[in-house]
Protein backbone atom coordinates (compact mmCIF):
# COMPACT_ATOMS: atom_id res chain seq x y z
CA MET A 1 61.23 160.27 274.53
CA VAL A 2 58.44 160.99 277.16
CA THR A 3 56.39 158.18 278.76
CA LEU A 4 52.91 159.31 280.22
CA ARG A 5 51.28 157.85 283.10
CA ARG A 6 48.76 155.50 282.04
CA PRO A 7 45.12 156.15 284.08
CA PRO A 8 44.28 154.02 286.63
CA ARG A 9 42.24 150.61 285.50
CA TYR A 10 39.61 151.16 288.51
CA THR A 11 38.03 153.41 290.46
CA ARG A 12 38.20 153.04 294.43
CA SER A 13 35.22 151.73 296.03
CA GLY A 14 35.10 152.84 299.63
CA PRO A 15 35.42 156.26 301.30
CA VAL A 16 37.86 158.85 300.22
CA LEU A 17 40.36 159.40 303.01
CA GLU A 18 42.22 162.79 304.17
CA PRO A 19 46.08 162.40 304.95
CA TYR A 20 45.18 162.65 308.68
CA GLN A 21 42.62 159.85 308.33
CA VAL A 22 45.17 157.39 306.54
CA VAL A 23 48.07 157.55 309.22
CA VAL A 24 46.82 156.86 312.69
CA ARG A 25 50.08 156.62 314.62
CA PRO A 26 53.84 156.29 314.35
CA LEU A 27 55.00 152.84 315.77
CA ILE A 28 58.12 153.72 318.25
CA THR A 29 59.63 149.87 319.07
CA GLU A 30 63.19 148.97 319.14
CA LYS A 31 62.56 147.89 315.70
CA ALA A 32 61.30 150.70 314.63
CA THR A 33 63.80 152.87 315.90
CA HIS A 34 66.77 150.51 314.37
CA LEU A 35 64.94 150.74 310.73
CA SER A 36 64.80 154.70 311.10
CA GLU A 37 68.28 154.99 311.84
CA ARG A 38 70.01 152.16 309.51
CA HIS A 39 67.68 152.45 306.65
CA ASN A 40 65.77 155.63 306.74
CA ALA A 41 62.59 153.50 306.96
CA TYR A 42 59.78 154.52 309.21
CA THR A 43 56.74 152.35 310.48
CA PHE A 44 53.27 153.70 310.70
CA GLU A 45 50.10 152.40 312.01
CA VAL A 46 47.61 153.02 309.22
CA ASN A 47 43.88 152.81 308.27
CA PRO A 48 43.01 149.19 306.94
CA LEU A 49 41.29 150.62 304.13
CA ALA A 50 43.85 152.56 303.05
CA ASN A 51 46.50 151.46 300.12
CA LYS A 52 50.06 151.82 299.21
CA THR A 53 49.66 155.19 297.21
CA GLU A 54 47.40 156.46 299.60
CA ILE A 55 49.91 155.96 302.46
CA LYS A 56 52.59 157.47 300.32
CA GLN A 57 50.64 160.73 299.50
CA ALA A 58 49.65 161.00 303.32
CA VAL A 59 53.07 160.69 304.34
CA GLU A 60 54.51 163.08 302.09
CA ILE A 61 51.91 165.89 302.70
CA LEU A 62 51.77 165.43 306.82
CA PHE A 63 55.84 165.11 306.92
CA ASN A 64 56.67 166.97 304.04
CA VAL A 65 59.26 164.42 303.15
CA LYS A 66 59.90 162.24 299.54
CA VAL A 67 58.89 158.58 299.95
CA VAL A 68 60.72 155.97 298.14
CA ASP A 69 58.90 152.92 299.21
CA VAL A 70 56.05 151.45 301.03
CA ARG A 71 55.77 148.15 302.42
CA VAL A 72 52.29 147.19 303.92
CA GLN A 73 51.54 144.20 306.62
CA ASN A 74 47.82 143.11 307.43
CA ARG A 75 48.49 142.49 311.51
CA ARG A 76 45.96 139.99 313.06
CA GLY A 77 44.69 140.66 316.39
CA LYS A 78 46.23 138.38 319.27
CA LEU A 79 44.10 136.45 321.72
CA ARG A 80 44.02 137.79 325.12
CA ARG A 81 42.43 136.11 328.43
CA HIS A 82 41.19 137.23 331.07
CA ARG A 83 39.82 134.81 333.84
CA LEU A 84 37.86 132.45 331.99
CA LYS A 85 36.55 134.71 328.89
CA VAL A 86 38.70 134.57 325.72
CA GLY A 87 38.95 137.72 323.68
CA ARG A 88 40.46 139.00 320.76
CA MET A 89 42.46 142.19 320.01
CA ARG A 90 41.84 144.06 316.73
CA ASN A 91 42.87 143.48 313.41
CA TRP A 92 45.53 146.48 312.26
CA LYS A 93 47.42 147.51 309.41
CA LYS A 94 51.06 148.48 309.59
CA ALA A 95 53.21 150.30 306.98
CA VAL A 96 57.11 150.65 306.48
CA VAL A 97 57.58 153.96 304.52
CA ALA A 98 61.24 153.98 303.31
CA LEU A 99 62.26 157.67 302.86
CA HIS A 100 64.72 159.29 300.44
CA ASP A 101 68.27 159.66 301.54
CA GLU A 102 68.08 163.50 302.23
CA TYR A 103 64.83 163.41 304.30
CA ARG A 104 64.47 162.55 308.04
CA ILE A 105 61.45 162.41 310.55
CA ASP A 106 61.92 163.37 314.09
CA PHE A 107 59.40 162.10 316.47
CA TYR A 108 61.39 163.23 319.52
């Protein structure tokens, strides 16, 4: 028996993002390197307006890989102080993208 994908229940409100607008930059940290070596999962800073399906499609198009899972975190900007002034860094969105076992991404 063949099951068909159901149509989306809603239409996206907001701008239509191109793949290069969704993925802002890869995050290269100790934890991200550990994830990529052990679990074949890569971390990216992504556009705050992007959702999981857009992130998945953008990574598949830009890096020519097959994505299995996408996890997303909305990161709050940290408070920073300079002398007597208190400021705040910007809020940003982080995505952890797990790839199929056959695929790898080389950033180096």
